[in-house]
Amino acid sequence: MRRFEFFDPAIVLERKQDETCLGCAALQLSRWGGARKYVCSNGFQKASTEWSAMRRCRKYEPEAA
């Protein structure tokens, strides 16, 4: 376990999400034959069903609020 994982569960989840592609404007959710996968429209391989498996790339662009 990393040291920050002993904090409040909300803080732990937020820090883990900061390392992933969640919130990127290029990330799209695709549905293929009943399965849902996240795909990057910037051309990076992100085809994953779990957000925690997607590491943030250098072309991360936050969604406009």
N, C-alpha and C. Protein backbone atom coordinates (compact mmCIF):
# COMPACT_ATOMS: atom_id res chain seq x y z
N MET A 1 0.83 -1.19 0.00
CA MET A 1 0.00 0.00 0.00
C MET A 1 0.87 1.24 0.00
N ARG A 2 0.41 2.22 -0.75
CA ARG A 2 1.12 3.49 -0.73
C ARG A 2 0.68 4.30 0.48
N ARG A 3 1.50 5.21 0.88
CA ARG A 3 1.26 5.95 2.12
C ARG A 3 -0.07 6.70 2.11
N PHE A 4 -0.45 7.30 0.97
CA PHE A 4 -1.68 8.09 0.95
C PHE A 4 -2.94 7.22 1.06
N GLU A 5 -2.81 5.92 0.90
CA GLU A 5 -3.98 5.05 0.96
C GLU A 5 -4.52 4.87 2.38
N PHE A 6 -3.87 5.45 3.36
CA PHE A 6 -4.37 5.39 4.73
C PHE A 6 -5.25 6.59 5.06
N PHE A 7 -5.42 7.52 4.13
CA PHE A 7 -6.24 8.71 4.33
C PHE A 7 -7.73 8.39 4.17
N ASP A 8 -8.52 9.44 4.16
CA ASP A 8 -9.95 9.35 3.92
C ASP A 8 -10.19 8.66 2.57
N PRO A 9 -11.15 7.74 2.47
CA PRO A 9 -11.39 7.03 1.21
C PRO A 9 -11.67 7.95 0.02
N ALA A 10 -12.30 9.08 0.24
CA ALA A 10 -12.56 10.02 -0.86
C ALA A 10 -11.25 10.60 -1.40
N ILE A 11 -10.31 10.89 -0.51
CA ILE A 11 -9.02 11.42 -0.93
C ILE A 11 -8.24 10.36 -1.70
N VAL A 12 -8.30 9.13 -1.24
CA VAL A 12 -7.61 8.02 -1.91
C VAL A 12 -8.14 7.85 -3.33
N LEU A 13 -9.45 7.84 -3.49
CA LEU A 13 -10.05 7.69 -4.82
C LEU A 13 -9.68 8.85 -5.73
N GLU A 14 -9.70 10.06 -5.20
CA GLU A 14 -9.35 11.23 -6.00
C GLU A 14 -7.90 11.17 -6.48
N ARG A 15 -6.99 10.76 -5.63
CA ARG A 15 -5.58 10.66 -6.02
C ARG A 15 -5.34 9.55 -7.03
N LYS A 16 -6.06 8.45 -6.91
CA LYS A 16 -5.91 7.37 -7.89
C LYS A 16 -6.46 7.81 -9.25
N GLN A 17 -7.57 8.58 -9.25
CA GLN A 17 -8.13 9.06 -10.50
C GLN A 17 -7.23 10.09 -11.17
N ASP A 18 -6.46 10.82 -10.39
CA ASP A 18 -5.55 11.82 -10.96
C ASP A 18 -4.44 11.19 -11.78
N GLU A 19 -4.19 9.90 -11.62
CA GLU A 19 -3.15 9.19 -12.37
C GLU A 19 -3.72 8.54 -13.63
N THR A 20 -5.03 8.64 -13.85
CA THR A 20 -5.66 7.96 -14.98
C THR A 20 -6.16 8.95 -16.01
N CYS A 21 -6.80 8.44 -17.04
CA CYS A 21 -7.33 9.26 -18.13
C CYS A 21 -8.73 9.79 -17.86
N LEU A 22 -9.31 9.47 -16.73
CA LEU A 22 -10.65 9.98 -16.43
C LEU A 22 -10.66 11.50 -16.45
N GLY A 23 -11.62 12.08 -17.14
CA GLY A 23 -11.71 13.53 -17.23
C GLY A 23 -11.05 14.10 -18.46
N CYS A 24 -10.45 13.26 -19.28
CA CYS A 24 -9.80 13.73 -20.51
C CYS A 24 -10.86 13.95 -21.58
N ALA A 25 -10.72 15.03 -22.34
CA ALA A 25 -11.68 15.35 -23.40
C ALA A 25 -11.61 14.33 -24.54
N ALA A 26 -10.48 13.65 -24.71
CA ALA A 26 -10.30 12.69 -25.80
C ALA A 26 -10.81 11.29 -25.46
N LEU A 27 -11.18 11.05 -24.21
CA LEU A 27 -11.62 9.72 -23.80
C LEU A 27 -13.09 9.52 -24.15
N GLN A 28 -13.39 8.44 -24.85
CA GLN A 28 -14.76 8.15 -25.26
C GLN A 28 -15.14 6.75 -24.80
N LEU A 29 -16.40 6.58 -24.49
CA LEU A 29 -16.92 5.27 -24.08
C LEU A 29 -17.56 4.62 -25.29
N SER A 30 -17.07 3.44 -25.68
CA SER A 30 -17.60 2.69 -26.82
C SER A 30 -18.27 1.43 -26.32
N ARG A 31 -19.29 1.01 -27.04
CA ARG A 31 -19.98 -0.23 -26.71
C ARG A 31 -19.84 -1.19 -27.88
N TRP A 32 -19.28 -2.35 -27.60
CA TRP A 32 -19.06 -3.37 -28.63
C TRP A 32 -19.66 -4.70 -28.16
N GLY A 33 -20.75 -5.10 -28.76
CA GLY A 33 -21.35 -6.40 -28.45
C GLY A 33 -21.68 -6.59 -26.98
N GLY A 34 -22.18 -5.59 -26.34
CA GLY A 34 -22.55 -5.70 -24.94
C GLY A 34 -21.45 -5.33 -23.97
N ALA A 35 -20.23 -5.16 -24.45
CA ALA A 35 -19.12 -4.76 -23.59
C ALA A 35 -18.87 -3.26 -23.74
N ARG A 36 -18.50 -2.63 -22.65
CA ARG A 36 -18.18 -1.21 -22.68
C ARG A 36 -16.67 -1.05 -22.54
N LYS A 37 -16.09 -0.21 -23.41
CA LYS A 37 -14.65 0.03 -23.36
C LYS A 37 -14.39 1.52 -23.53
N TYR A 38 -13.34 1.99 -22.87
CA TYR A 38 -12.90 3.36 -23.05
C TYR A 38 -11.87 3.40 -24.16
N VAL A 39 -12.02 4.37 -25.09
CA VAL A 39 -11.13 4.48 -26.23
C VAL A 39 -10.67 5.94 -26.33
N CYS A 40 -9.39 6.15 -26.63
CA CYS A 40 -8.82 7.48 -26.76
C CYS A 40 -8.93 7.94 -28.21
N SER A 41 -9.52 9.12 -28.43
CA SER A 41 -9.65 9.63 -29.79
C SER A 41 -8.37 10.31 -30.28
N ASN A 42 -7.36 10.43 -29.42
CA ASN A 42 -6.05 10.97 -29.82
C ASN A 42 -5.18 9.92 -30.48
N GLY A 43 -5.66 8.68 -30.55
CA GLY A 43 -4.91 7.62 -31.20
C GLY A 43 -4.10 6.75 -30.27
N PHE A 44 -4.22 6.96 -28.97
CA PHE A 44 -3.50 6.11 -28.01
C PHE A 44 -4.33 4.89 -27.67
N GLN A 45 -3.66 3.77 -27.45
CA GLN A 45 -4.34 2.53 -27.10
C GLN A 45 -4.82 2.60 -25.66
N LYS A 46 -6.12 2.71 -25.45
CA LYS A 46 -6.70 2.79 -24.12
C LYS A 46 -7.82 1.78 -23.95
N ALA A 47 -8.04 0.93 -24.93
CA ALA A 47 -9.18 0.02 -24.91
C ALA A 47 -9.17 -0.79 -23.62
N SER A 48 -9.92 -0.34 -22.67
CA SER A 48 -9.96 -0.98 -21.36
C SER A 48 -11.37 -0.86 -20.81
N THR A 49 -11.76 -1.83 -20.01
CA THR A 49 -13.08 -1.77 -19.38
C THR A 49 -12.99 -1.16 -17.99
N GLU A 50 -11.79 -1.03 -17.45
CA GLU A 50 -11.59 -0.49 -16.11
C GLU A 50 -10.84 0.84 -16.18
N TRP A 51 -11.35 1.86 -15.52
CA TRP A 51 -10.68 3.16 -15.54
C TRP A 51 -9.33 3.11 -14.82
N SER A 52 -9.21 2.22 -13.85
CA SER A 52 -7.97 2.17 -13.08
C SER A 52 -6.81 1.57 -13.88
N ALA A 53 -7.10 0.92 -15.01
CA ALA A 53 -6.06 0.31 -15.83
C ALA A 53 -5.49 1.29 -16.86
N MET A 54 -6.08 2.46 -16.99
CA MET A 54 -5.65 3.43 -18.00
C MET A 54 -4.71 4.45 -17.38
N ARG A 55 -3.45 4.42 -17.76
CA ARG A 55 -2.49 5.40 -17.27
C ARG A 55 -2.57 6.67 -18.12
N ARG A 56 -2.45 7.80 -17.47
CA ARG A 56 -2.57 9.09 -18.16
C ARG A 56 -1.39 9.29 -19.10
N CYS A 57 -1.68 9.71 -20.33
CA CYS A 57 -0.63 9.94 -21.32
C CYS A 57 -0.27 11.43 -21.35
N ARG A 58 0.71 11.77 -22.14
CA ARG A 58 1.19 13.16 -22.19
C ARG A 58 0.22 14.08 -22.93
N LYS A 59 -0.75 13.52 -23.66
CA LYS A 59 -1.71 14.34 -24.39
C LYS A 59 -3.01 14.54 -23.64
N TYR A 60 -2.98 14.38 -22.33
CA TYR A 60 -4.16 14.58 -21.48
C TYR A 60 -4.64 16.02 -21.62
N GLU A 61 -5.92 16.17 -21.94
CA GLU A 61 -6.52 17.50 -22.02
C GLU A 61 -7.81 17.48 -21.20
N PRO A 62 -7.90 18.28 -20.15
CA PRO A 62 -9.08 18.25 -19.28
C PRO A 62 -10.33 18.70 -20.03
N GLU A 63 -11.45 18.11 -19.64
CA GLU A 63 -12.73 18.49 -20.24
C GLU A 63 -13.08 19.91 -19.84
N ALA A 64 -13.72 20.63 -20.73
CA ALA A 64 -14.16 22.00 -20.43
C ALA A 64 -15.35 21.93 -19.49
N ALA A 65 -15.34 22.74 -18.48
CA ALA A 65 -16.41 22.73 -17.49
C ALA A 65 -17.59 23.57 -17.91
